[in-house]
Amino acid sequence: MVNYAPILALLEQIISDRTVPKNIRAAAESSKQVLSTGESEELKISTAVHTLDEVANDPNIPVYTRTHIWNLVSMLEQARRELK
């Protein structure tokens, strides 16, 4: 079982930050919802990584938010490795 608490906390921080563009906050919200579903762990992690990876390349994203997203992707990839 994967502990999503630190991942969800960081996603919530991005969602509640009003300086982050709407599309980035929407992607964070989408990832948070995916991680909270009853799907398989592998599917949840892969979907969240894909969603976050897409927005990490947005030119309008603040630098500190991009760093948070990279950290989230790293945490999710580590969780995926632990599942195997």
Protein backbone atom coordinates (compact mmCIF):
# COMPACT_ATOMS: atom_id res chain seq x y z
CA MET A 1 0.00 0.00 0.00
CA VAL A 2 1.33 3.40 -0.98
CA ASN A 3 1.29 6.28 1.50
CA TYR A 4 -0.13 9.18 -0.52
CA ALA A 5 -0.29 11.65 2.40
CA PRO A 6 2.84 13.69 1.50
CA ILE A 7 1.89 13.65 -2.19
CA LEU A 8 -1.66 14.79 -1.50
CA ALA A 9 -0.40 17.52 0.85
CA LEU A 10 1.90 18.92 -1.84
CA LEU A 11 -0.89 18.74 -4.42
CA GLU A 12 -3.18 20.62 -2.03
CA GLN A 13 -0.51 23.28 -1.61
CA ILE A 14 -0.41 23.81 -5.40
CA ILE A 15 -4.22 23.81 -5.65
CA SER A 16 -4.61 26.46 -2.96
CA ASP A 17 -1.86 28.75 -4.32
CA ARG A 18 -3.61 31.57 -6.19
CA THR A 19 -0.39 32.61 -7.97
CA VAL A 20 -0.41 29.31 -9.90
CA PRO A 21 -2.23 29.44 -13.27
CA LYS A 22 -5.68 27.84 -13.41
CA ASN A 23 -4.69 25.04 -15.79
CA ILE A 24 -1.87 23.96 -13.46
CA ARG A 25 -4.20 23.99 -10.44
CA ALA A 26 -6.75 21.98 -12.47
CA ALA A 27 -4.10 19.37 -13.31
CA ALA A 28 -3.11 19.15 -9.63
CA GLU A 29 -6.78 18.74 -8.66
CA SER A 30 -7.21 16.05 -11.31
CA SER A 31 -4.15 14.18 -10.03
CA LYS A 32 -5.43 14.43 -6.46
CA GLN A 33 -8.79 12.97 -7.48
CA VAL A 34 -7.14 10.15 -9.43
CA LEU A 35 -4.98 9.20 -6.44
CA SER A 36 -8.08 9.09 -4.24
CA THR A 37 -9.99 6.63 -6.45
CA GLY A 38 -10.31 2.89 -5.97
CA GLU A 39 -8.37 1.99 -9.11
CA SER A 40 -5.22 -0.12 -9.07
CA GLU A 41 -2.17 1.55 -7.55
CA GLU A 42 -0.18 1.26 -10.79
CA LEU A 43 -2.94 2.91 -12.83
CA LYS A 44 -3.41 5.75 -10.34
CA ILE A 45 0.30 6.51 -10.22
CA SER A 46 0.75 6.34 -14.01
CA THR A 47 -2.21 8.63 -14.64
CA ALA A 48 -1.04 11.19 -12.08
CA VAL A 49 2.53 11.17 -13.44
CA HIS A 50 1.28 11.67 -16.98
CA THR A 51 -0.97 14.58 -15.97
CA LEU A 52 1.72 16.31 -13.93
CA ASP A 53 4.42 15.73 -16.54
CA GLU A 54 2.29 17.48 -19.17
CA VAL A 55 1.90 20.66 -17.12
CA ALA A 56 5.53 20.73 -15.95
CA ASN A 57 6.49 21.98 -19.42
CA ASP A 58 3.99 24.86 -19.42
CA PRO A 59 5.89 28.13 -20.03
CA ASN A 60 3.57 30.06 -17.67
CA ILE A 61 4.27 27.92 -14.63
CA PRO A 62 6.15 29.62 -11.76
CA VAL A 63 9.61 28.16 -11.15
CA TYR A 64 8.83 27.07 -7.58
CA THR A 65 5.67 25.30 -8.77
CA ARG A 66 7.62 23.49 -11.49
CA THR A 67 10.01 22.30 -8.76
CA HIS A 68 7.05 21.06 -6.68
CA ILE A 69 5.71 19.17 -9.69
CA TRP A 70 9.09 17.56 -10.37
CA ASN A 71 9.22 16.52 -6.71
CA LEU A 72 5.72 15.04 -6.99
CA VAL A 73 6.67 13.09 -10.11
CA SER A 74 9.78 11.76 -8.33
CA MET A 75 7.73 10.72 -5.30
CA LEU A 76 5.18 8.97 -7.52
CA GLU A 77 7.87 7.17 -9.52
CA GLN A 78 9.47 6.01 -6.27
CA ALA A 79 6.08 4.69 -5.13
CA ARG A 80 5.72 2.85 -8.45
CA ARG A 81 9.14 1.20 -7.99
CA GLU A 82 8.16 0.10 -4.48
CA LEU A 83 5.06 -1.65 -5.86
CA LYS A 84 7.15 -4.02 -7.96
